Structure formats: C-alpha cells, structure tokens
Amino acid sequence: MPSSEKRAHNFAHDVHEVAKLIPKGRVTSYGAIAKYLGKGVTARMVGWAMHNCPKGVPAHRVVNSKGILTGKSHFSGPNTMQSLLEKEGHLISGDRIVNFADIFWDPATELP
C-alpha cells in the first residue's frame, strides 16, 4: 500500500475510533472530531472518512455543526439516519436534531 493510501486508511481508522466513543443518546459533529484529531484535519476530511464506516461505528451520531443530518444519503435508505437517532430518543425536525446543543458530545473535552 503506498504511503498516502496508508495515511488515509489510518486517518479513517482514527475517525472511526473516535466515533465509536460517542455515547448513546449523544451526538457530535464532523468538526468536533476534526478538532480532536488535530491540526490540519478538517470537518470535510472527517466526513469523507465517515462515508464507509465499518459495522459497529455509530455513524448516525455524527452530524454537521448545526445538528443537520448531512450524512443521511450515505445510509441504506433516506430515513435510516433519522430513524436510528429517533430510536435513541432524539427528536428530529426538518433534518435537524432538536436540542442539538444540549446533547452535543465534544471529544476534546470528554476524552483524555
């Protein structure tokens, strides 16, 4: 594997590992994961890494900085992301998580 592919693979793995730590009932943003992972990492890069999450990664808990379900098109159906969030007790209105600020999980403050 060329070094650039290996770096991309390791980055995606790191993103997925952070996403696995999001507690049930909480959500985070692409940008918050980017900030946690460090300098030079952007929300867009995290979004790309989230495209093909392995089984067991709660990708539905990662949304944009306003609580909008921007990644919903990457799930098996158009309502899958919303359905998974609603099963965890979240209220969704207009593709946006109601009370997003109250349930936001920031890995920079929650993780060592």
Protein backbone atom coordinates (compact mmCIF):
# COMPACT_ATOMS: atom_id res chain seq x y z
CA MET A 1 0.00 0.00 0.00
CA PRO A 2 1.51 3.38 -0.98
CA SER A 3 2.22 5.68 1.97
CA SER A 4 -0.56 8.15 1.00
CA GLU A 5 -3.12 5.33 1.00
CA LYS A 6 -1.79 4.07 4.31
CA ARG A 7 -2.11 7.56 5.86
CA ALA A 8 -5.69 7.83 4.56
CA HIS A 9 -6.51 4.38 5.94
CA ASN A 10 -5.00 5.26 9.34
CA PHE A 11 -6.87 8.58 9.39
CA ALA A 12 -10.19 6.87 8.63
CA HIS A 13 -9.45 4.34 11.35
CA ASP A 14 -8.79 7.18 13.84
CA VAL A 15 -12.06 8.89 12.87
CA HIS A 16 -13.98 5.64 13.30
CA GLU A 17 -12.37 5.01 16.68
CA VAL A 18 -13.48 8.43 17.95
CA ALA A 19 -16.99 7.87 16.56
CA LYS A 20 -17.21 4.57 18.44
CA LEU A 21 -16.77 6.50 21.69
CA ILE A 22 -19.83 8.73 21.21
CA PRO A 23 -22.20 7.68 23.97
CA LYS A 24 -25.69 6.51 23.11
CA GLY A 25 -28.05 9.45 23.40
CA ARG A 26 -25.37 11.96 22.41
CA VAL A 27 -24.18 13.31 19.07
CA THR A 28 -21.13 15.14 17.77
CA SER A 29 -20.08 16.97 14.65
CA TYR A 30 -17.56 16.35 11.91
CA GLY A 31 -15.75 19.50 13.02
CA ALA A 32 -15.53 18.41 16.66
CA ILE A 33 -13.90 15.15 15.61
CA ALA A 34 -11.55 17.08 13.31
CA LYS A 35 -10.57 19.43 16.13
CA TYR A 36 -9.92 16.50 18.44
CA LEU A 37 -7.74 14.72 15.88
CA GLY A 38 -5.55 17.76 15.44
CA LYS A 39 -4.00 20.41 13.30
CA GLY A 40 -4.69 20.22 9.60
CA VAL A 41 -7.74 17.99 9.95
CA THR A 42 -10.94 19.45 8.54
CA ALA A 43 -14.59 18.60 9.00
CA ARG A 44 -14.75 17.68 5.32
CA MET A 45 -11.95 15.12 5.78
CA VAL A 46 -13.85 13.58 8.69
CA GLY A 47 -16.98 13.47 6.53
CA TRP A 48 -15.15 11.56 3.83
CA ALA A 49 -13.80 9.11 6.39
CA MET A 50 -17.34 8.54 7.66
CA HIS A 51 -18.62 7.51 4.21
CA ASN A 52 -17.79 3.83 4.58
CA CYS A 53 -17.85 3.11 8.26
CA PRO A 54 -17.31 -0.45 9.34
CA LYS A 55 -20.06 -2.24 11.23
CA GLY A 56 -20.21 -1.14 14.84
CA VAL A 57 -19.40 2.52 14.19
CA PRO A 58 -22.38 4.70 15.16
CA ALA A 59 -22.09 6.99 12.13
CA HIS A 60 -25.64 8.25 12.69
CA ARG A 61 -24.35 10.14 15.76
CA VAL A 62 -22.11 12.39 13.63
CA VAL A 63 -23.82 15.39 12.06
CA ASN A 64 -22.84 18.86 10.90
CA SER A 65 -22.10 21.74 13.27
CA LYS A 66 -25.73 22.88 13.26
CA GLY A 67 -27.14 19.44 14.05
CA ILE A 68 -28.28 18.79 10.48
CA LEU A 69 -28.28 15.21 9.20
CA THR A 70 -26.00 15.97 6.26
CA GLY A 71 -24.71 12.39 6.07
CA LYS A 72 -28.12 10.77 5.66
CA SER A 73 -27.57 9.98 1.97
CA HIS A 74 -24.80 7.55 2.95
CA PHE A 75 -27.15 5.24 4.82
CA SER A 76 -29.15 2.36 3.37
CA GLY A 77 -32.29 4.46 2.98
CA PRO A 78 -33.21 8.14 3.06
CA ASN A 79 -34.70 7.90 6.57
CA THR A 80 -32.28 5.43 8.16
CA MET A 81 -30.11 8.02 9.92
CA GLN A 82 -33.14 9.81 11.34
CA SER A 83 -34.71 6.53 12.41
CA LEU A 84 -31.55 5.44 14.25
CA LEU A 85 -31.36 8.77 16.07
CA GLU A 86 -35.05 8.66 16.97
CA LYS A 87 -34.57 5.15 18.40
CA GLU A 88 -32.01 6.70 20.74
CA GLY A 89 -34.59 9.26 21.88
CA HIS A 90 -33.71 12.23 19.69
CA LEU A 91 -36.33 14.49 18.18
CA ILE A 92 -35.66 15.41 14.55
CA SER A 93 -37.40 18.24 12.76
CA GLY A 94 -36.60 19.25 9.18
CA ASP A 95 -33.49 17.02 9.08
CA ARG A 96 -32.15 18.79 12.18
CA ILE A 97 -31.69 17.48 15.71
CA VAL A 98 -33.87 19.43 18.13
CA ASN A 99 -31.89 20.46 21.26
CA PHE A 100 -28.59 19.70 19.49
CA ALA A 101 -26.59 21.91 21.88
CA ASP A 102 -27.93 20.03 24.91
CA ILE A 103 -26.87 16.59 23.66
CA PHE A 104 -23.66 17.60 21.91
CA TRP A 105 -20.64 15.46 22.81
CA ASP A 106 -17.27 17.17 22.36
CA PRO A 107 -14.39 14.68 22.24
CA ALA A 108 -11.92 17.48 23.02
CA THR A 109 -13.48 17.93 26.47
CA GLU A 110 -14.89 14.44 27.06
CA LEU A 111 -11.81 12.38 26.18
CA PRO A 112 -8.34 12.49 27.69
